[in-house]
Every structure is written in C-alpha cells, then in structure tokens.
C-alpha cells in the first residue's frame, strides 16, 4: 500500500514537470515572443495600370479634295464643284448662267467626268443664274435641287420650275442654318433668312463649303442687306471667295469683306458689260486686303483646288 502511494506521487510529479516544460499544443490566442522565419505573402495581388491605344480620329475633311471651277459664261454665274474622297466623286452645280451658256456648261461638266449631278443649286431666279437650268435638267441626271424659295414670274423661271416638277426631282428650299455633307465636305447655308428674302438678289443662297479649315464661299448675288445680316454672326476667314453680283458696289459691304478676308477672289463677269462691272471700288477693296483677284472676263475659266492641306488656283489665261 505504501509502495502504491509512492508510485502515484512519482507520476504526479512527472506530469507537473511535463506541463511546465511547454510540451503539447501551443495556445492559439497568444503569439507574443514568436519571431516569424519569413514575411507573410500578400493576399491581394497588385496589378499594373492598363495602357489602351485608341484609334486616331481623322481630321475633318481628311482625304477630301474639292475642285471648284468658276465657268466663264459671260455676264452670269456658274460654278462646278467636283468633290473627291477615296474612290467616290460628288458633283454640285451652282447656277447655270444665261441660256446661251448651256453648250459651254454641258461641255465643262462632261470634261470633268460628270455623268450625274448630285445637287443643282439655283441661288436665285434671275436669268443670268438659271438661264441654262432647264437644258441641264433635260440632259443630266439630277438627284436634287436646292433653291431659295424666292420666285419670279418670268419665262425662264417658269420653265425651270416646270422641268423640275415634270421630272419629279426633289426640290428643297434651303435657308440660313441648313447644313449638309457632300462626300466629306461640310456645307453650310448662310443666307437667305426671313430678314433678307425681300428681293431676288438678297434672297440668294450663300454656301460655305469647308474641307478641314479651308473654306470656299459662294455668294450668288447677295447684296449689302444680306451681307449685313450675315455679318451679325461670326464669319470665318475664307480661302476662296466668289465675289457677289459680278463686283457691283451694291454688293460691297466693308465689314463683311473684312471679316472673311479672302486669299483669292473670283469675279464672274462679262467682258464689256453695260453695267460697269466690276466696280473699281470693289477691286480697290480686294487689293487693299491683299486678295488675289481673278476675273472670268480677263482670265477665262478659273479653277481652285482645295484640300485640308492647302489651296491652289489657276486660270485658263
């Protein structure tokens, strides 16, 4: 019995020594005094910024070339715009001169490769601007007509209107604020407005044709009244300017000319005309701002080529 008690006491002492030596499981709630052998690995990976390359945005008018021909039709107006972009070509015919000019205009269109006129713009109904319109409408496919909405009770205008109607060609009345894109060239109508549609000349359709930051301004016969209204809005400096109303003083408004400050000016006028066009005052004003002047009575046909990169002008003589 005494031996058993001694053995039991020895076992108790042994258990006490084992507990004090730290054998067995470590407590989970206390890691003080424990030095890790390595840094813990991060649990959230850090990703580097993504680099995205966006496709280049082409400049306005990129790849577009406008060949603007100011046709010598005597005392009248006719402009042909050939707009090329890639493999596509667009033709706009702006005014058609007098009736006797039809063979010349038809020949010029064919020579430029025109088999279809995408838009025929009749700036106003005067005979020296629409005289050949019926002949053109009967000879070429015309997709649509733009006109000012001002009418005249004249034979030439009645014949023009009747031909448009008979052929069921879309006939749009345009006004200030009308905009379109012609094969990549931006087109904006600056006139007429309700304030200027008081007579035929001041109701003229005025077109700003833009390729990038290069501009062609086609004025019809817009006179001082129309120009004063247009000058109330910001106007761009233009590269090529079709001088309105054959260079008459009634179509010379100095603030307008100062605003647009054209590099090149084209006056469509007949040799020895009875109106005294162009007036010396207009010629002096154009020279005074450094604008290079071409006249169809002296230079024949005038051709301006406009791209986003620049402008070149040449003449028949």
C-alpha atoms as a PDB file:
ATOM      1  CA  UNK A   1       0.000   0.000   0.000  1.00  0.00           C
ATOM      2  CA  UNK A   2       2.836   2.354   0.829  1.00  0.00           C
ATOM      3  CA  UNK A   3       4.543   1.384  -2.445  1.00  0.00           C
ATOM      4  CA  UNK A   4       1.438   2.334  -4.443  1.00  0.00           C
ATOM      5  CA  UNK A   5       1.275   5.744  -2.783  1.00  0.00           C
ATOM      6  CA  UNK A   6       4.922   6.406  -3.608  1.00  0.00           C
ATOM      7  CA  UNK A   7       4.347   5.426  -7.250  1.00  0.00           C
ATOM      8  CA  UNK A   8       1.302   7.654  -7.523  1.00  0.00           C
ATOM      9  CA  UNK A   9       3.260  10.598  -6.124  1.00  0.00           C
ATOM     10  CA  UNK A  10       6.042   9.990  -8.638  1.00  0.00           C
ATOM     11  CA  UNK A  11       3.552  10.036 -11.555  1.00  0.00           C
ATOM     12  CA  UNK A  12       2.066  13.311 -10.311  1.00  0.00           C
ATOM     13  CA  UNK A  13       5.499  14.940 -10.149  1.00  0.00           C
ATOM     14  CA  UNK A  14       6.294  13.724 -13.667  1.00  0.00           C
ATOM     15  CA  UNK A  15       3.051  15.205 -15.096  1.00  0.00           C
ATOM     16  CA  UNK A  16       3.746  18.523 -13.381  1.00  0.00           C
ATOM     17  CA  UNK A  17       7.239  18.680 -14.918  1.00  0.00           C
ATOM     18  CA  UNK A  18       5.875  17.942 -18.417  1.00  0.00           C
ATOM     19  CA  UNK A  19       3.313  20.769 -18.233  1.00  0.00           C
ATOM     20  CA  UNK A  20       5.965  23.243 -17.111  1.00  0.00           C
ATOM     21  CA  UNK A  21       8.330  22.278 -19.994  1.00  0.00           C
ATOM     22  CA  UNK A  22       5.790  23.535 -22.694  1.00  0.00           C
ATOM     23  CA  UNK A  23       5.283  20.210 -24.397  1.00  0.00           C
ATOM     24  CA  UNK A  24       1.958  19.601 -26.095  1.00  0.00           C
ATOM     25  CA  UNK A  25      -0.158  22.061 -28.192  1.00  0.00           C
ATOM     26  CA  UNK A  26       0.706  25.804 -28.262  1.00  0.00           C
ATOM     27  CA  UNK A  27      -2.061  28.136 -27.228  1.00  0.00           C
ATOM     28  CA  UNK A  28      -3.728  29.823 -30.219  1.00  0.00           C
ATOM     29  CA  UNK A  29      -4.565  33.119 -28.608  1.00  0.00           C
ATOM     30  CA  UNK A  30      -1.025  34.348 -27.790  1.00  0.00           C
ATOM     31  CA  UNK A  31       1.853  34.683 -30.313  1.00  0.00           C
ATOM     32  CA  UNK A  32       3.935  37.163 -28.352  1.00  0.00           C
ATOM     33  CA  UNK A  33       7.608  36.415 -28.374  1.00  0.00           C
ATOM     34  CA  UNK A  34       7.357  34.358 -31.568  1.00  0.00           C
ATOM     35  CA  UNK A  35       9.581  35.593 -34.397  1.00  0.00           C
ATOM     36  CA  UNK A  36       8.410  34.508 -37.871  1.00  0.00           C
ATOM     37  CA  UNK A  37      11.055  32.985 -40.091  1.00  0.00           C
ATOM     38  CA  UNK A  38       9.719  34.823 -43.264  1.00  0.00           C
ATOM     39  CA  UNK A  39       7.417  37.727 -44.279  1.00  0.00           C
ATOM     40  CA  UNK A  40       3.801  36.733 -44.884  1.00  0.00           C
ATOM     41  CA  UNK A  41       2.779  36.735 -48.557  1.00  0.00           C
ATOM     42  CA  UNK A  42       0.328  39.404 -49.745  1.00  0.00           C
ATOM     43  CA  UNK A  43      -3.219  38.199 -50.116  1.00  0.00           C
ATOM     44  CA  UNK A  44      -4.288  40.891 -52.765  1.00  0.00           C
ATOM     45  CA  UNK A  45      -2.226  40.993 -55.938  1.00  0.00           C
ATOM     46  CA  UNK A  46      -1.255  44.494 -57.222  1.00  0.00           C
ATOM     47  CA  UNK A  47      -1.888  44.914 -60.958  1.00  0.00           C
ATOM     48  CA  UNK A  48      -0.082  47.437 -63.175  1.00  0.00           C
ATOM     49  CA  UNK A  49      -2.149  50.138 -64.989  1.00  0.00           C
ATOM     50  CA  UNK A  50      -3.635  49.098 -68.355  1.00  0.00           C
ATOM     51  CA  UNK A  51      -2.440  51.021 -71.408  1.00  0.00           C
ATOM     52  CA  UNK A  52      -5.115  51.422 -74.133  1.00  0.00           C
ATOM     53  CA  UNK A  53      -4.278  52.758 -77.587  1.00  0.00           C
ATOM     54  CA  UNK A  54      -7.282  54.444 -79.185  1.00  0.00           C
ATOM     55  CA  UNK A  55      -7.552  54.631 -82.972  1.00  0.00           C
ATOM     56  CA  UNK A  56      -6.552  58.002 -84.391  1.00  0.00           C
ATOM     57  CA  UNK A  57      -9.507  60.278 -85.186  1.00  0.00           C
ATOM     58  CA  UNK A  58      -9.254  61.588 -88.754  1.00  0.00           C
ATOM     59  CA  UNK A  59      -9.259  65.341 -89.144  1.00  0.00           C
ATOM     60  CA  UNK A  60     -12.404  66.948 -90.527  1.00  0.00           C
ATOM     61  CA  UNK A  61     -12.291  66.759 -94.305  1.00  0.00           C
ATOM     62  CA  UNK A  62      -9.385  64.287 -94.270  1.00  0.00           C
ATOM     63  CA  UNK A  63      -8.867  62.711 -97.675  1.00  0.00           C
ATOM     64  CA  UNK A  64     -11.254  65.143 -99.392  1.00  0.00           C
ATOM     65  CA  UNK A  65     -10.348  67.312-102.370  1.00  0.00           C
ATOM     66  CA  UNK A  66     -12.643  69.924-103.910  1.00  0.00           C
ATOM     67  CA  UNK A  67     -12.061  71.101-107.449  1.00  0.00           C
ATOM     68  CA  UNK A  68     -14.105  74.296-107.838  1.00  0.00           C
ATOM     69  CA  UNK A  69     -14.410  75.574-111.395  1.00  0.00           C
ATOM     70  CA  UNK A  70     -15.740  79.078-111.995  1.00  0.00           C
ATOM     71  CA  UNK A  71     -17.006  78.809-115.552  1.00  0.00           C
ATOM     72  CA  UNK A  72     -16.708  81.758-117.904  1.00  0.00           C
ATOM     73  CA  UNK A  73     -20.320  82.169-119.001  1.00  0.00           C
ATOM     74  CA  UNK A  74     -20.136  85.881-119.764  1.00  0.00           C
ATOM     75  CA  UNK A  75     -22.318  88.146-117.641  1.00  0.00           C
ATOM     76  CA  UNK A  76     -23.622  85.412-115.372  1.00  0.00           C
ATOM     77  CA  UNK A  77     -22.666  82.837-112.745  1.00  0.00           C
ATOM     78  CA  UNK A  78     -21.822  79.138-112.902  1.00  0.00           C
ATOM     79  CA  UNK A  79     -19.684  77.091-110.520  1.00  0.00           C
ATOM     80  CA  UNK A  80     -18.980  73.381-110.712  1.00  0.00           C
ATOM     81  CA  UNK A  81     -17.783  71.578-107.587  1.00  0.00           C
ATOM     82  CA  UNK A  82     -16.153  68.202-108.070  1.00  0.00           C
ATOM     83  CA  UNK A  83     -15.651  66.648-104.637  1.00  0.00           C
ATOM     84  CA  UNK A  84     -13.463  63.568-104.475  1.00  0.00           C
ATOM     85  CA  UNK A  85     -12.988  61.300-101.472  1.00  0.00           C
ATOM     86  CA  UNK A  86     -11.265  57.964-101.961  1.00  0.00           C
ATOM     87  CA  UNK A  87     -12.927  56.289-104.896  1.00  0.00           C
ATOM     88  CA  UNK A  88     -16.137  58.336-104.790  1.00  0.00           C
ATOM     89  CA  UNK A  89     -16.909  61.544-106.653  1.00  0.00           C
ATOM     90  CA  UNK A  90     -19.700  64.053-105.993  1.00  0.00           C
ATOM     91  CA  UNK A  91     -20.788  66.837-108.344  1.00  0.00           C
ATOM     92  CA  UNK A  92     -22.568  70.023-107.362  1.00  0.00           C
ATOM     93  CA  UNK A  93     -23.571  72.595-109.963  1.00  0.00           C
ATOM     94  CA  UNK A  94     -24.204  76.065-108.556  1.00  0.00           C
ATOM     95  CA  UNK A  95     -26.132  78.279-111.020  1.00  0.00           C
ATOM     96  CA  UNK A  96     -26.254  77.844-114.782  1.00  0.00           C
ATOM     97  CA  UNK A  97     -25.546  81.239-116.360  1.00  0.00           C
ATOM     98  CA  UNK A  98     -27.644  82.549-119.224  1.00  0.00           C
ATOM     99  CA  UNK A  99     -29.485  80.300-121.680  1.00  0.00           C
ATOM    100  CA  UNK A 100     -26.781  80.737-124.322  1.00  0.00           C
ATOM    101  CA  UNK A 101     -24.204  79.300-121.902  1.00  0.00           C
ATOM    102  CA  UNK A 102     -25.704  75.801-121.982  1.00  0.00           C
ATOM    103  CA  UNK A 103     -23.247  74.300-124.536  1.00  0.00           C
ATOM    104  CA  UNK A 104     -20.262  75.618-122.566  1.00  0.00           C
ATOM    105  CA  UNK A 105     -21.571  74.340-119.213  1.00  0.00           C
ATOM    106  CA  UNK A 106     -22.532  70.951-120.629  1.00  0.00           C
ATOM    107  CA  UNK A 107     -19.057  70.598-122.164  1.00  0.00           C
ATOM    108  CA  UNK A 108     -17.339  71.566-118.912  1.00  0.00           C
ATOM    109  CA  UNK A 109     -19.382  69.043-116.926  1.00  0.00           C
ATOM    110  CA  UNK A 110     -18.613  66.238-119.360  1.00  0.00           C
ATOM    111  CA  UNK A 111     -14.952  67.196-119.445  1.00  0.00           C
ATOM    112  CA  UNK A 112     -14.778  66.884-115.661  1.00  0.00           C
ATOM    113  CA  UNK A 113     -16.249  63.380-115.847  1.00  0.00           C
ATOM    114  CA  UNK A 114     -19.735  64.306-114.678  1.00  0.00           C
ATOM    115  CA  UNK A 115     -22.489  61.936-115.695  1.00  0.00           C
ATOM    116  CA  UNK A 116     -24.739  62.733-112.740  1.00  0.00           C
ATOM    117  CA  UNK A 117     -25.270  65.962-110.826  1.00  0.00           C
ATOM    118  CA  UNK A 118     -25.786  65.132-107.166  1.00  0.00           C
ATOM    119  CA  UNK A 119     -27.173  68.565-106.342  1.00  0.00           C
ATOM    120  CA  UNK A 120     -28.131  71.532-108.502  1.00  0.00           C
ATOM    121  CA  UNK A 121     -28.139  74.775-106.506  1.00  0.00           C
ATOM    122  CA  UNK A 122     -30.122  77.646-108.018  1.00  0.00           C
ATOM    123  CA  UNK A 123     -29.122  80.583-105.841  1.00  0.00           C
ATOM    124  CA  UNK A 124     -31.953  82.836-107.033  1.00  0.00           C
ATOM    125  CA  UNK A 125     -34.271  83.001-110.071  1.00  0.00           C
ATOM    126  CA  UNK A 126     -32.534  85.701-112.159  1.00  0.00           C
ATOM    127  CA  UNK A 127     -31.986  84.747-115.794  1.00  0.00           C
ATOM    128  CA  UNK A 128     -28.187  85.122-115.628  1.00  0.00           C
ATOM    129  CA  UNK A 129     -28.112  82.447-112.914  1.00  0.00           C
ATOM    130  CA  UNK A 130     -30.781  79.964-114.063  1.00  0.00           C
ATOM    131  CA  UNK A 131     -30.854  80.515-117.826  1.00  0.00           C
ATOM    132  CA  UNK A 132     -29.471  77.067-118.702  1.00  0.00           C
ATOM    133  CA  UNK A 133     -31.130  75.176-115.857  1.00  0.00           C
ATOM    134  CA  UNK A 134     -33.864  73.567-117.964  1.00  0.00           C
ATOM    135  CA  UNK A 135     -31.314  72.398-120.528  1.00  0.00           C
ATOM    136  CA  UNK A 136     -29.124  70.896-117.807  1.00  0.00           C
ATOM    137  CA  UNK A 137     -32.103  69.190-116.170  1.00  0.00           C
ATOM    138  CA  UNK A 138     -33.056  67.640-119.506  1.00  0.00           C
ATOM    139  CA  UNK A 139     -29.503  66.469-120.295  1.00  0.00           C
ATOM    140  CA  UNK A 140     -28.106  65.232-116.985  1.00  0.00           C
ATOM    141  CA  UNK A 141     -29.474  63.104-114.177  1.00  0.00           C
ATOM    142  CA  UNK A 142     -30.014  65.487-111.273  1.00  0.00           C
ATOM    143  CA  UNK A 143     -30.559  63.952-107.834  1.00  0.00           C
ATOM    144  CA  UNK A 144     -31.960  67.029-106.090  1.00  0.00           C
ATOM    145  CA  UNK A 145     -32.354  70.777-106.368  1.00  0.00           C
ATOM    146  CA  UNK A 146     -31.624  73.404-103.740  1.00  0.00           C
ATOM    147  CA  UNK A 147     -33.209  76.824-104.155  1.00  0.00           C
ATOM    148  CA  UNK A 148     -34.022  79.877-102.055  1.00  0.00           C
ATOM    149  CA  UNK A 149     -37.801  79.829-102.251  1.00  0.00           C
ATOM    150  CA  UNK A 150     -37.931  83.243-103.929  1.00  0.00           C
ATOM    151  CA  UNK A 151     -39.847  83.059-107.214  1.00  0.00           C
ATOM    152  CA  UNK A 152     -40.226  85.244-110.272  1.00  0.00           C
ATOM    153  CA  UNK A 153     -42.969  85.433-112.862  1.00  0.00           C
ATOM    154  CA  UNK A 154     -40.575  85.115-115.765  1.00  0.00           C
ATOM    155  CA  UNK A 155     -40.458  82.671-118.663  1.00  0.00           C
ATOM    156  CA  UNK A 156     -37.065  81.277-117.709  1.00  0.00           C
ATOM    157  CA  UNK A 157     -38.034  80.633-114.086  1.00  0.00           C
ATOM    158  CA  UNK A 158     -41.414  79.143-115.017  1.00  0.00           C
ATOM    159  CA  UNK A 159     -39.702  76.803-117.482  1.00  0.00           C
ATOM    160  CA  UNK A 160     -37.130  75.804-114.843  1.00  0.00           C
ATOM    161  CA  UNK A 161     -39.775  75.112-112.203  1.00  0.00           C
ATOM    162  CA  UNK A 162     -41.920  73.158-114.659  1.00  0.00           C
ATOM    163  CA  UNK A 163     -38.977  70.962-115.670  1.00  0.00           C
ATOM    164  CA  UNK A 164     -38.121  70.191-112.046  1.00  0.00           C
ATOM    165  CA  UNK A 165     -41.737  69.235-111.407  1.00  0.00           C
ATOM    166  CA  UNK A 166     -42.126  67.168-114.561  1.00  0.00           C
ATOM    167  CA  UNK A 167     -39.055  65.114-113.721  1.00  0.00           C
ATOM    168  CA  UNK A 168     -40.170  64.770-110.092  1.00  0.00           C
ATOM    169  CA  UNK A 169     -36.781  65.851-108.817  1.00  0.00           C
ATOM    170  CA  UNK A 170     -36.671  66.506-105.062  1.00  0.00           C
ATOM    171  CA  UNK A 171     -36.794  70.279-104.718  1.00  0.00           C
ATOM    172  CA  UNK A 172     -35.611  71.647-101.376  1.00  0.00           C
ATOM    173  CA  UNK A 173     -35.972  75.213-100.152  1.00  0.00           C
ATOM    174  CA  UNK A 174     -32.914  75.952 -98.042  1.00  0.00           C
ATOM    175  CA  UNK A 175     -32.235  78.823 -95.685  1.00  0.00           C
ATOM    176  CA  UNK A 176     -29.742  80.085 -93.164  1.00  0.00           C
ATOM    177  CA  UNK A 177     -28.722  77.207 -90.869  1.00  0.00           C
ATOM    178  CA  UNK A 178     -29.246  74.401 -93.387  1.00  0.00           C
ATOM    179  CA  UNK A 179     -26.277  72.027 -93.241  1.00  0.00           C
ATOM    180  CA  UNK A 180     -25.189  69.021 -95.222  1.00  0.00           C
ATOM    181  CA  UNK A 181     -22.113  66.918 -96.014  1.00  0.00           C
ATOM    182  CA  UNK A 182     -21.180  66.473 -99.650  1.00  0.00           C
ATOM    183  CA  UNK A 183     -18.840  63.482 -99.909  1.00  0.00           C
ATOM    184  CA  UNK A 184     -16.876  64.577 -96.845  1.00  0.00           C
ATOM    185  CA  UNK A 185     -17.036  68.344 -97.453  1.00  0.00           C
ATOM    186  CA  UNK A 186     -19.101  70.269 -94.878  1.00  0.00           C
ATOM    187  CA  UNK A 187     -21.700  72.589 -96.399  1.00  0.00           C
ATOM    188  CA  UNK A 188     -23.476  75.351 -94.524  1.00  0.00           C
ATOM    189  CA  UNK A 189     -26.085  77.775 -95.838  1.00  0.00           C
ATOM    190  CA  UNK A 190     -25.525  81.338 -94.558  1.00  0.00           C
ATOM    191  CA  UNK A 191     -28.401  83.003 -96.452  1.00  0.00           C
ATOM    192  CA  UNK A 192     -31.308  83.580 -97.035  1.00  0.00           C
ATOM    193  CA  UNK A 193     -33.090  84.349 -93.797  1.00  0.00           C
ATOM    194  CA  UNK A 194     -36.589  85.755 -93.274  1.00  0.00           C
ATOM    195  CA  UNK A 195     -34.996  89.203 -92.939  1.00  0.00           C
ATOM    196  CA  UNK A 196     -33.210  89.044 -96.308  1.00  0.00           C
ATOM    197  CA  UNK A 197     -35.781  87.306 -98.502  1.00  0.00           C
ATOM    198  CA  UNK A 198     -37.141  90.663 -99.626  1.00  0.00           C
ATOM    199  CA  UNK A 199     -35.860  90.634-103.218  1.00  0.00           C
ATOM    200  CA  UNK A 200     -34.243  88.243-105.633  1.00  0.00           C
ATOM    201  CA  UNK A 201     -30.598  89.220-105.074  1.00  0.00           C
ATOM    202  CA  UNK A 202     -30.722  89.375-101.283  1.00  0.00           C
ATOM    203  CA  UNK A 203     -32.553  86.037-101.182  1.00  0.00           C
ATOM    204  CA  UNK A 204     -29.555  84.351-102.834  1.00  0.00           C
ATOM    205  CA  UNK A 205     -28.446  81.032-101.407  1.00  0.00           C
ATOM    206  CA  UNK A 206     -24.994  81.613 -99.909  1.00  0.00           C
ATOM    207  CA  UNK A 207     -22.892  78.467 -99.451  1.00  0.00           C
ATOM    208  CA  UNK A 208     -19.878  77.935 -97.205  1.00  0.00           C
ATOM    209  CA  UNK A 209     -18.110  74.773 -98.378  1.00  0.00           C
ATOM    210  CA  UNK A 210     -15.415  73.595 -95.957  1.00  0.00           C
ATOM    211  CA  UNK A 211     -12.663  70.997 -96.199  1.00  0.00           C
ATOM    212  CA  UNK A 212     -10.938  70.877 -92.835  1.00  0.00           C
ATOM    213  CA  UNK A 213     -10.232  74.537 -92.038  1.00  0.00           C
ATOM    214  CA  UNK A 214     -10.152  75.611 -95.700  1.00  0.00           C
ATOM    215  CA  UNK A 215     -13.264  77.369 -96.989  1.00  0.00           C
ATOM    216  CA  UNK A 216     -14.938  78.297-100.272  1.00  0.00           C
ATOM    217  CA  UNK A 217     -17.651  80.976-100.034  1.00  0.00           C
ATOM    218  CA  UNK A 218     -20.169  81.129-102.889  1.00  0.00           C
ATOM    219  CA  UNK A 219     -22.301  84.251-102.680  1.00  0.00           C
ATOM    220  CA  UNK A 220     -24.760  84.304-105.568  1.00  0.00           C
ATOM    221  CA  UNK A 221     -25.838  87.949-105.857  1.00  0.00           C
ATOM    222  CA  UNK A 222     -26.196  88.601-102.110  1.00  0.00           C
ATOM    223  CA  UNK A 223     -26.007  92.360-101.653  1.00  0.00           C
ATOM    224  CA  UNK A 224     -25.314  94.693 -98.742  1.00  0.00           C
ATOM    225  CA  UNK A 225     -28.559  93.939 -96.903  1.00  0.00           C
ATOM    226  CA  UNK A 226     -27.887  90.208 -96.854  1.00  0.00           C
ATOM    227  CA  UNK A 227     -24.214  90.712 -96.017  1.00  0.00           C
ATOM    228  CA  UNK A 228     -25.065  92.955 -93.094  1.00  0.00           C
ATOM    229  CA  UNK A 229     -27.303  90.258 -91.629  1.00  0.00           C
ATOM    230  CA  UNK A 230     -24.690  87.543 -92.185  1.00  0.00           C
ATOM    231  CA  UNK A 231     -22.049  89.717 -90.517  1.00  0.00           C
ATOM    232  CA  UNK A 232     -24.078  89.721 -87.294  1.00  0.00           C
ATOM    233  CA  UNK A 233     -22.836  86.161 -86.750  1.00  0.00           C
ATOM    234  CA  UNK A 234     -19.176  85.079 -86.522  1.00  0.00           C
ATOM    235  CA  UNK A 235     -17.763  84.585 -90.001  1.00  0.00           C
ATOM    236  CA  UNK A 236     -14.682  82.523 -90.858  1.00  0.00           C
ATOM    237  CA  UNK A 237     -11.709  83.733 -92.792  1.00  0.00           C
ATOM    238  CA  UNK A 238     -12.084  82.095 -96.192  1.00  0.00           C
ATOM    239  CA  UNK A 239      -9.565  80.979 -98.765  1.00  0.00           C
ATOM    240  CA  UNK A 240     -11.688  81.291-101.930  1.00  0.00           C
ATOM    241  CA  UNK A 241     -14.428  83.915-102.382  1.00  0.00           C
ATOM    242  CA  UNK A 242     -16.907  84.171-105.237  1.00  0.00           C
ATOM    243  CA  UNK A 243     -17.471  87.934-105.285  1.00  0.00           C
ATOM    244  CA  UNK A 244     -21.223  88.629-105.239  1.00  0.00           C
ATOM    245  CA  UNK A 245     -23.183  90.277-108.047  1.00  0.00           C
ATOM    246  CA  UNK A 246     -20.304  90.444-110.508  1.00  0.00           C
ATOM    247  CA  UNK A 247     -18.413  93.005-108.423  1.00  0.00           C
ATOM    248  CA  UNK A 248     -21.117  95.658-108.114  1.00  0.00           C
ATOM    249  CA  UNK A 249     -20.890  98.331-105.407  1.00  0.00           C
ATOM    250  CA  UNK A 250     -24.328  97.303-104.170  1.00  0.00           C
ATOM    251  CA  UNK A 251     -22.796  94.024-103.063  1.00  0.00           C
ATOM    252  CA  UNK A 252     -19.785  95.508-101.286  1.00  0.00           C
ATOM    253  CA  UNK A 253     -20.234  95.723 -97.513  1.00  0.00           C
ATOM    254  CA  UNK A 254     -16.841  96.526 -95.925  1.00  0.00           C
ATOM    255  CA  UNK A 255     -17.419  94.834 -92.521  1.00  0.00           C
ATOM    256  CA  UNK A 256     -18.348  91.601 -94.274  1.00  0.00           C
ATOM    257  CA  UNK A 257     -15.280  91.662 -96.509  1.00  0.00           C
ATOM    258  CA  UNK A 258     -13.033  92.469 -93.542  1.00  0.00           C
ATOM    259  CA  UNK A 259     -14.436  89.503 -91.627  1.00  0.00           C
ATOM    260  CA  UNK A 260     -13.935  86.892 -94.350  1.00  0.00           C
ATOM    261  CA  UNK A 261     -10.615  88.371 -95.616  1.00  0.00           C
ATOM    262  CA  UNK A 262     -10.280  86.028 -98.637  1.00  0.00           C
ATOM    263  CA  UNK A 263      -6.940  84.875-100.017  1.00  0.00           C
ATOM    264  CA  UNK A 264      -8.392  84.533-103.528  1.00  0.00           C
ATOM    265  CA  UNK A 265     -11.376  86.310-105.038  1.00  0.00           C
ATOM    266  CA  UNK A 266     -13.152  85.341-108.261  1.00  0.00           C
ATOM    267  CA  UNK A 267     -15.382  87.782-110.132  1.00  0.00           C
ATOM    268  CA  UNK A 268     -17.662  86.193-112.732  1.00  0.00           C
ATOM    269  CA  UNK A 269     -18.366  88.958-115.215  1.00  0.00           C
ATOM    270  CA  UNK A 270     -18.870  89.521-118.932  1.00  0.00           C
ATOM    271  CA  UNK A 271     -16.360  91.472-120.993  1.00  0.00           C
ATOM    272  CA  UNK A 272     -17.555  94.983-121.845  1.00  0.00           C
ATOM    273  CA  UNK A 273     -20.837  94.584-119.943  1.00  0.00           C
ATOM    274  CA  UNK A 274     -23.180  97.561-119.821  1.00  0.00           C
ATOM    275  CA  UNK A 275     -23.294  97.639-116.004  1.00  0.00           C
ATOM    276  CA  UNK A 276     -19.689  98.700-115.486  1.00  0.00           C
ATOM    277  CA  UNK A 277     -18.944  95.515-113.515  1.00  0.00           C
ATOM    278  CA  UNK A 278     -16.708  95.072-111.665  1.00  0.00           C
ATOM    279  CA  UNK A 279     -16.627  98.466-109.983  1.00  0.00           C
ATOM    280  CA  UNK A 280     -13.270  99.994-109.207  1.00  0.00           C
ATOM    281  CA  UNK A 281     -14.259 100.484-105.573  1.00  0.00           C
ATOM    282  CA  UNK A 282     -14.635  96.727-105.194  1.00  0.00           C
ATOM    283  CA  UNK A 283     -11.353  95.990-106.965  1.00  0.00           C
ATOM    284  CA  UNK A 284      -9.571  98.504-104.720  1.00  0.00           C
ATOM    285  CA  UNK A 285     -11.077  96.975-101.579  1.00  0.00           C
ATOM    286  CA  UNK A 286      -9.966  93.480-102.580  1.00  0.00           C
ATOM    287  CA  UNK A 287      -6.473  94.719-103.410  1.00  0.00           C
ATOM    288  CA  UNK A 288      -6.384  96.583-100.104  1.00  0.00           C
ATOM    289  CA  UNK A 289      -6.719  93.366 -98.088  1.00  0.00           C
ATOM    290  CA  UNK A 290      -4.211  91.528-100.247  1.00  0.00           C
ATOM    291  CA  UNK A 291      -6.689  89.241-102.004  1.00  0.00           C
ATOM    292  CA  UNK A 292      -5.544  87.818-105.347  1.00  0.00           C
ATOM    293  CA  UNK A 293      -8.279  88.655-107.869  1.00  0.00           C
ATOM    294  CA  UNK A 294      -9.305  86.551-110.867  1.00  0.00           C
ATOM    295  CA  UNK A 295     -11.880  87.766-113.408  1.00  0.00           C
ATOM    296  CA  UNK A 296     -13.563  85.478-115.908  1.00  0.00           C
ATOM    297  CA  UNK A 297     -13.684  88.303-118.483  1.00  0.00           C
ATOM    298  CA  UNK A 298      -9.887  88.511-118.356  1.00  0.00           C
ATOM    299  CA  UNK A 299      -8.771  85.081-117.103  1.00  0.00           C
ATOM    300  CA  UNK A 300     -11.415  82.785-118.588  1.00  0.00           C
ATOM    301  CA  UNK A 301     -12.306  79.727-116.513  1.00  0.00           C
ATOM    302  CA  UNK A 302     -10.823  79.798-113.007  1.00  0.00           C
ATOM    303  CA  UNK A 303     -10.130  76.603-111.096  1.00  0.00           C
ATOM    304  CA  UNK A 304      -9.430  76.342-107.363  1.00  0.00           C
ATOM    305  CA  UNK A 305      -8.319  73.071-105.784  1.00  0.00           C
ATOM    306  CA  UNK A 306      -8.932  72.912-102.054  1.00  0.00           C
ATOM    307  CA  UNK A 307      -7.760  70.214 -99.635  1.00  0.00           C
ATOM    308  CA  UNK A 308      -7.195  70.247 -95.868  1.00  0.00           C
ATOM    309  CA  UNK A 309      -3.518  70.846 -96.642  1.00  0.00           C
ATOM    310  CA  UNK A 310      -3.831  73.889 -98.848  1.00  0.00           C
ATOM    311  CA  UNK A 311      -5.292  75.781-101.799  1.00  0.00           C
ATOM    312  CA  UNK A 312      -4.092  76.288-105.335  1.00  0.00           C
ATOM    313  CA  UNK A 313      -5.705  78.457-108.020  1.00  0.00           C
ATOM    314  CA  UNK A 314      -5.117  78.574-111.749  1.00  0.00           C
ATOM    315  CA  UNK A 315      -6.877  80.122-114.700  1.00  0.00           C
ATOM    316  CA  UNK A 316      -7.441  79.463-118.371  1.00  0.00           C
ATOM    317  CA  UNK A 317      -5.451  82.557-119.332  1.00  0.00           C
END
